[in-house]
Protein backbone atom coordinates (compact mmCIF):
# COMPACT_ATOMS: atom_id res chain seq x y z
CA MET A 1 -97.80 37.84 -27.11
CA SER A 2 -95.71 40.87 -26.71
CA GLN A 3 -92.07 40.31 -25.46
CA THR A 4 -90.08 42.00 -22.80
CA VAL A 5 -87.15 44.13 -23.33
CA TYR A 6 -83.64 43.62 -22.13
CA ASP A 7 -81.53 46.46 -21.39
CA GLU A 8 -78.02 45.67 -22.68
CA ALA A 9 -76.67 49.25 -22.07
CA TYR A 10 -77.75 49.00 -18.32
CA GLU A 11 -75.87 45.70 -17.95
CA ARG A 12 -72.75 46.91 -19.20
CA GLU A 13 -73.14 49.96 -16.86
CA LEU A 14 -73.66 47.36 -14.02
CA ALA A 15 -70.86 45.26 -14.87
CA LYS A 16 -68.50 48.45 -14.99
CA TYR A 17 -69.74 49.32 -11.45
CA PHE A 18 -68.86 45.96 -10.14
CA ASP A 19 -65.64 45.80 -11.76
CA GLU A 20 -64.74 49.11 -9.96
CA ASN A 21 -66.21 48.12 -6.59
CA LEU A 22 -65.47 44.51 -5.72
CA PRO A 23 -62.34 43.41 -4.03
CA GLU A 24 -60.22 41.08 -5.72
CA LYS A 25 -60.82 37.98 -3.79
CA ILE A 26 -64.39 36.78 -3.43
CA TYR A 27 -65.66 33.80 -1.68
CA ASP A 28 -69.05 32.45 -2.82
CA ALA A 29 -70.76 31.22 0.59
CA HIS A 30 -73.75 29.75 -0.79
CA PHE A 31 -74.25 28.11 -4.38
CA HIS A 32 -75.44 24.74 -5.62
CA LEU A 33 -74.55 22.34 -8.21
CA SER A 34 -77.09 20.22 -10.02
CA ARG A 35 -76.32 17.75 -12.95
CA ALA A 36 -80.07 18.06 -13.73
CA TYR A 37 -80.15 21.83 -14.31
CA THR A 38 -76.96 21.46 -16.70
CA ASN A 39 -78.36 18.86 -18.69
CA ARG A 40 -81.77 21.05 -19.03
CA CYS A 41 -79.61 23.75 -20.33
CA GLY A 42 -77.95 21.58 -22.65
CA TYR A 43 -74.52 22.89 -21.49
CA GLN A 44 -71.93 20.52 -22.72
CA GLY A 45 -69.29 20.83 -19.79
CA THR A 46 -69.69 19.98 -16.25
CA PRO A 47 -71.99 21.67 -13.71
CA PHE A 48 -68.96 23.35 -12.08
CA GLU A 49 -67.75 24.77 -15.57
CA GLN A 50 -71.01 26.01 -16.19
CA TYR A 51 -71.07 27.87 -12.77
CA SER A 52 -67.50 29.10 -13.07
CA GLU A 53 -68.47 30.69 -16.52
CA PHE A 54 -71.59 32.52 -15.05
CA ILE A 55 -69.64 33.80 -11.90
CA GLU A 56 -66.88 35.14 -13.94
CA LYS A 57 -69.24 36.98 -16.68
CA TYR A 58 -71.72 38.51 -14.20
CA ASN A 59 -69.52 39.07 -11.19
CA CYS A 60 -66.31 40.17 -13.16
CA ARG A 61 -64.17 37.78 -10.95
CA PRO A 62 -63.26 34.19 -10.67
CA MET A 63 -64.16 32.83 -7.26
CA SER A 64 -61.14 32.55 -4.81
CA GLY A 65 -63.22 29.94 -2.69
CA GLY A 66 -66.78 28.68 -2.28
CA LEU A 67 -69.24 26.61 -0.07
CA VAL A 68 -70.84 24.06 -2.68
CA MET A 69 -74.08 22.21 -1.78
CA PRO A 70 -76.95 20.39 -3.64
CA GLN A 71 -80.35 21.92 -4.19
CA PRO A 72 -82.83 20.45 -1.59
CA PHE A 73 -83.93 17.41 -3.95
CA LYS A 74 -86.45 14.74 -2.96
CA ARG A 75 -85.48 12.42 -0.09
CA GLU A 76 -84.82 9.37 -2.56
CA ILE A 77 -81.91 11.06 -4.62
CA LEU A 78 -80.55 13.30 -1.70
CA ASP A 79 -77.59 10.87 -0.80
CA ASP A 80 -76.54 10.73 -4.35
CA GLU A 81 -76.75 14.52 -4.67
CA ASN A 82 -74.51 14.98 -1.64
CA ALA A 83 -72.23 12.76 -2.84
CA TYR A 84 -71.75 14.29 -5.95
CA ASN A 85 -71.31 17.83 -4.40
CA LEU A 86 -68.87 16.27 -1.96
CA SER A 87 -66.79 15.01 -4.85
CA VAL A 88 -66.74 18.22 -6.59
CA ALA A 89 -65.55 20.15 -3.52
CA GLU A 90 -62.86 17.44 -3.16
CA GLU A 91 -61.74 17.63 -6.60
CA LYS A 92 -61.80 21.65 -6.59
CA GLY A 93 -60.73 22.55 -3.13
CA LEU A 94 -63.96 23.89 -2.17
CA ALA A 95 -65.95 23.71 1.14
CA ALA A 96 -69.10 21.42 0.88
CA GLY A 97 -72.43 21.75 2.66
CA LEU A 98 -74.42 18.63 3.93
CA ILE A 99 -78.03 18.68 3.42
CA ILE A 100 -79.52 16.81 6.16
CA THR A 101 -83.06 15.53 7.07
CA PRO A 102 -84.53 14.90 10.64
CA GLU A 103 -84.34 11.29 9.77
CA CYS A 104 -80.53 11.10 9.33
CA GLY A 105 -80.09 11.23 13.08
CA ARG A 106 -76.89 12.28 14.79
CA GLU A 107 -74.93 9.03 14.29
CA ILE A 108 -75.24 8.91 10.56
CA THR A 109 -74.33 12.55 9.97
CA GLU A 110 -71.52 12.49 12.38
CA LYS A 111 -70.01 9.31 10.49
CA LYS A 112 -70.16 11.36 7.41
CA MET A 113 -68.69 14.34 8.79
CA ASP A 114 -65.79 12.37 9.97
CA THR A 115 -65.40 10.50 6.54
CA TYR A 116 -65.55 13.66 4.45
CA SER A 117 -63.34 16.57 5.80
CA GLN A 118 -64.79 18.78 3.30
CA ILE A 119 -68.09 19.06 4.93
CA LYS A 120 -68.07 22.49 6.55
CA VAL A 121 -71.48 23.19 7.21
CA LEU A 122 -74.90 21.27 8.17
CA LYS A 123 -77.85 22.52 5.86
CA PRO A 124 -81.20 21.02 7.04
CA TYR A 125 -83.99 22.35 4.84
CA LEU A 126 -87.79 22.94 5.16
CA ASN A 127 -88.58 20.73 2.44
CA TYR A 128 -87.89 17.99 4.83
CA ALA A 129 -90.57 19.16 7.60
CA SER A 130 -93.24 16.95 8.39
CA ALA A 131 -95.66 19.77 8.57
CA ALA A 132 -98.59 19.41 5.76
CA ASN A 133 -97.27 22.94 4.73
CA ARG A 134 -93.50 23.18 4.82
CA TYR A 135 -93.51 26.82 3.79
CA GLU A 136 -95.24 27.58 7.47
CA ALA A 137 -93.19 24.83 9.29
CA ASP A 138 -91.67 25.47 12.52
CA LEU A 139 -87.82 25.76 12.60
CA LEU A 140 -87.36 22.83 14.91
CA ASP A 141 -89.64 20.64 12.79
CA PHE A 142 -86.93 20.54 9.87
CA ALA A 143 -84.00 21.38 12.16
CA PRO A 144 -84.63 19.35 15.27
CA GLU A 145 -82.46 19.63 18.57
CA TRP A 146 -80.06 16.82 17.75
CA MET A 147 -78.75 18.93 14.76
CA TRP A 148 -78.15 21.82 17.19
CA GLU A 149 -76.62 19.83 19.74
CA LEU A 150 -74.23 18.38 17.26
CA ALA A 151 -73.20 21.90 15.78
CA HIS A 152 -72.45 22.91 19.30
CA ASP A 153 -70.35 19.91 20.32
CA ARG A 154 -68.10 20.27 16.98
CA GLU A 155 -68.33 24.41 17.09
CA PHE A 156 -69.70 23.81 13.60
CA PRO A 157 -71.87 26.14 11.32
CA ILE A 158 -75.51 25.06 10.67
CA LEU A 159 -77.05 27.08 7.68
CA ILE A 160 -80.82 27.88 8.08
CA HIS A 161 -83.25 28.70 5.22
CA LEU A 162 -86.32 30.16 7.14
CA SER A 163 -89.66 28.61 6.83
CA HIS A 164 -92.94 30.58 7.69
CA TYR A 165 -92.83 32.45 4.49
CA GLN A 166 -95.80 34.78 5.38
CA ASN A 167 -93.75 36.65 8.26
CA MET A 168 -90.18 35.01 8.04
CA LEU A 169 -87.98 36.31 10.80
CA SER A 170 -90.88 38.50 12.31
CA GLU A 171 -92.66 35.32 12.88
CA GLU A 172 -92.66 34.75 16.60
CA SER A 173 -92.06 30.84 16.68
CA ASN A 174 -88.83 31.74 14.24
CA TRP A 175 -87.24 34.15 16.40
CA GLN A 176 -88.20 32.62 19.67
CA GLN A 177 -86.91 29.05 18.43
CA ILE A 178 -83.60 30.73 17.06
CA ARG A 179 -83.26 32.54 20.46
CA GLN A 180 -83.86 29.19 22.32
CA MET A 181 -81.27 27.09 20.29
CA CYS A 182 -78.58 29.95 20.07
CA ASN A 183 -78.75 30.30 23.82
CA LYS A 184 -78.76 26.51 24.70
CA TYR A 185 -76.07 25.67 22.19
CA PRO A 186 -73.75 28.80 21.95
CA ARG A 187 -71.02 27.16 20.08
CA ALA A 188 -73.24 26.32 17.34
CA LYS A 189 -72.80 28.87 14.35
CA LEU A 190 -76.13 29.74 12.93
CA ILE A 191 -76.07 31.10 9.34
CA LEU A 192 -79.26 32.52 8.39
CA ALA A 193 -79.54 32.11 4.70
CA HIS A 194 -80.47 34.94 2.37
CA CYS A 195 -80.44 37.66 5.22
CA ALA A 196 -82.68 35.52 7.15
CA MET A 197 -85.34 35.24 4.16
CA GLY A 198 -85.29 38.99 4.38
CA HIS A 199 -87.02 39.32 1.15
CA HIS A 200 -89.57 41.61 3.03
CA VAL A 201 -87.58 44.65 4.36
CA ARG A 202 -90.34 45.63 7.15
CA LYS A 203 -90.79 42.09 8.37
CA LEU A 204 -87.01 41.37 8.52
CA LYS A 205 -86.42 44.57 10.46
CA LEU A 206 -88.89 43.67 12.92
CA GLY A 207 -87.37 40.21 13.31
CA LEU A 208 -84.05 41.41 13.68
CA GLU A 209 -84.91 43.46 16.85
CA HIS A 210 -85.61 40.03 18.49
CA ILE A 211 -82.29 38.42 17.85
CA ASN A 212 -79.65 41.12 17.52
CA ASP A 213 -78.09 40.28 21.08
CA LEU A 214 -77.10 36.84 19.86
CA PRO A 215 -73.34 36.50 19.23
CA ASN A 216 -73.54 33.31 17.38
CA ILE A 217 -75.48 34.34 14.37
CA TRP A 218 -74.22 35.02 10.68
CA PHE A 219 -75.99 35.56 7.46
CA ASP A 220 -75.19 35.06 3.90
CA CYS A 221 -76.84 37.56 1.57
CA SER A 222 -77.57 35.19 -1.29
CA GLY A 223 -80.80 35.72 -2.94
CA SER A 224 -81.19 39.22 -1.20
CA ALA A 225 -82.11 41.76 -3.81
CA GLU A 226 -83.34 44.37 -1.46
CA THR A 227 -80.84 46.75 -0.34
CA LEU A 228 -82.26 47.60 2.67
CA SER A 229 -82.69 44.27 3.81
CA VAL A 230 -78.83 43.91 3.25
CA TYR A 231 -78.38 47.19 5.18
CA TYR A 232 -80.44 46.23 8.20
CA CYS A 233 -78.49 43.05 8.63
CA LEU A 234 -75.18 44.86 8.55
CA LYS A 235 -76.32 47.54 10.88
CA ALA A 236 -77.65 45.18 13.20
CA PHE A 237 -74.76 42.70 13.33
CA GLY A 238 -71.90 44.21 11.75
CA ALA A 239 -69.68 43.36 8.69
CA ASP A 240 -67.89 40.52 10.67
CA LYS A 241 -71.09 38.81 10.37
CA MET A 242 -72.11 38.99 6.71
CA MET A 243 -70.93 36.79 3.93
CA TYR A 244 -71.47 36.93 -0.01
CA GLY A 245 -73.12 34.33 -1.75
CA SER A 246 -74.53 33.93 -5.37
CA ASP A 247 -77.10 31.36 -4.71
CA TYR A 248 -76.25 29.84 -8.02
CA ASP A 249 -78.22 28.14 -9.88
CA HIS A 250 -81.24 29.88 -8.39
CA GLY A 251 -79.36 32.84 -8.79
CA GLU A 252 -79.16 32.52 -12.76
CA THR A 253 -82.56 31.76 -13.23
CA VAL A 254 -84.72 34.08 -11.11
CA GLY A 255 -85.37 37.68 -11.82
CA ARG A 256 -85.51 40.13 -8.76
CA ILE A 257 -87.15 38.96 -5.52
CA CYS A 258 -88.61 41.94 -3.60
CA SER A 259 -91.01 43.16 -0.94
CA PHE A 260 -94.55 43.06 -2.19
CA GLY A 261 -97.72 44.34 -0.10
CA SER A 262 -97.33 42.22 3.05
CA ASN A 263 -95.14 39.37 1.44
CA PHE A 264 -92.69 39.12 -1.32
CA ILE A 265 -92.74 38.06 -4.91
CA GLY A 266 -90.16 36.72 -7.52
CA LEU A 267 -90.41 39.19 -10.84
CA HIS A 268 -88.90 37.12 -14.05
CA GLU A 269 -89.59 37.47 -17.46
CA GLY A 270 -92.65 35.06 -17.44
CA TYR A 271 -94.57 37.42 -15.05
CA LEU A 272 -94.19 40.44 -17.39
CA ASN A 273 -94.21 38.83 -20.82
CA ASN A 274 -98.10 38.80 -21.44
CA ASP A 275 -100.24 41.57 -23.19
CA ALA A 276 -101.99 42.57 -20.06
CA VAL A 277 -98.59 44.23 -18.77
CA PRO A 278 -98.22 47.88 -20.25
CA PRO A 279 -95.12 48.10 -22.48
CA VAL A 280 -93.59 50.77 -20.08
CA TYR A 281 -93.16 47.67 -17.55
CA LYS A 282 -92.00 45.14 -19.94
CA TYR A 283 -88.19 45.33 -19.13
CA GLN A 284 -86.83 41.99 -18.45
CA PRO A 285 -85.13 41.53 -15.01
CA LEU A 286 -81.48 40.89 -14.71
CA ASN A 287 -80.67 37.62 -13.02
CA ASN A 288 -80.93 37.36 -9.37
CA ALA A 289 -77.44 37.09 -8.67
CA GLN A 290 -76.74 40.66 -10.54
CA GLU A 291 -79.63 42.15 -8.70
CA CYS A 292 -78.28 40.86 -5.30
CA MET A 293 -74.88 41.90 -5.86
CA LEU A 294 -76.09 45.23 -6.77
CA ALA A 295 -78.05 45.26 -3.26
CA LEU A 296 -74.94 44.26 -1.33
CA LEU A 297 -72.72 46.85 -2.89
CA GLU A 298 -75.25 49.58 -2.44
CA ALA A 299 -75.83 48.69 1.29
CA ILE A 300 -72.06 49.06 1.68
CA GLU A 301 -72.25 52.26 0.18
CA LEU A 302 -75.05 53.49 2.35
CA LEU A 303 -72.99 52.25 5.60
CA LYS A 304 -69.75 53.95 4.37
CA LEU A 305 -68.17 50.51 5.11
CA SER A 306 -64.34 50.55 4.95
CA LYS A 307 -62.37 48.71 2.36
CA LYS A 308 -61.25 46.12 5.02
CA ASP A 309 -64.94 45.58 5.93
CA THR A 310 -65.89 45.19 2.37
CA GLU A 311 -63.09 42.49 1.83
CA LYS A 312 -64.41 40.59 5.24
CA ILE A 313 -67.86 40.43 3.57
CA PHE A 314 -66.68 39.26 0.19
CA TYR A 315 -64.14 36.89 1.31
CA ASP A 316 -62.36 36.72 4.79
CA ASN A 317 -65.65 36.05 6.84
CA ALA A 318 -66.44 32.90 4.83
CA ALA A 319 -63.04 31.73 4.39
CA GLU A 320 -62.39 31.68 8.03
CA MET A 321 -65.86 30.08 8.86
CA PHE A 322 -65.38 27.31 6.37
CA ALA A 323 -61.59 26.68 6.73
């Protein structure tokens, strides 16, 4: 089987571009630590040390703050993974995201929030939907109303990774339920992860038209490698509502995620590393974190955002949100 080619000269050029354009302080508003991932890599240090090395290598900056949370593991190990990430957050002075399921209920969730001051965001996830096909589950199936009520009562962020993968934000039930909950619970701070799952540029643009009047919506751009997707979110909501995120460790292992026909695709070496692909297409993708950083900086360029707005996106907005 023929092998893909990694363009080291381009990566060096990109590193120089990052170094010249990134602000000094960066807050990573969306990353995950997984002991299982670190073990699979054969890394000899801790998951946080592995993360830190990756970030400094590819982003040319150490992080000045961050929001750490588990990957959405199976229910039977979720409590343990939440506890591990909470302990790292306490040790390293980070904010933590608490992954919650519909079955947790408000009482148990509030008790954890009162016990661990490092919890700064609630994160429901589509993996815990009751629907047979979780990728097409309704928002309220995995983020039921009690979560929104709790976020509203405490003026707390709730981080949502949208389902309905066929249409994402343009799916009527998605934007309707976002409108319903944001209007009913206006003090809840909704963060739409991955630019509202904006991997398909046109469908994101269509979906934004239905929610762009809501004042309690923010975005993180983790995992968003489409420049125009970041651009449309920034254009609709402004620099005050966008936060940088690396999406590590997912950001380390996945190539470019992009629009593909009526949906999206994640391109990585495995897709290209076969004899059916012509040699001209056999360039190995950069890691997703690099592709997404490039998309964010290009969107900032297109909108001609000021240095102050750039600093908001990379640090100030998240530092304020998760203080």
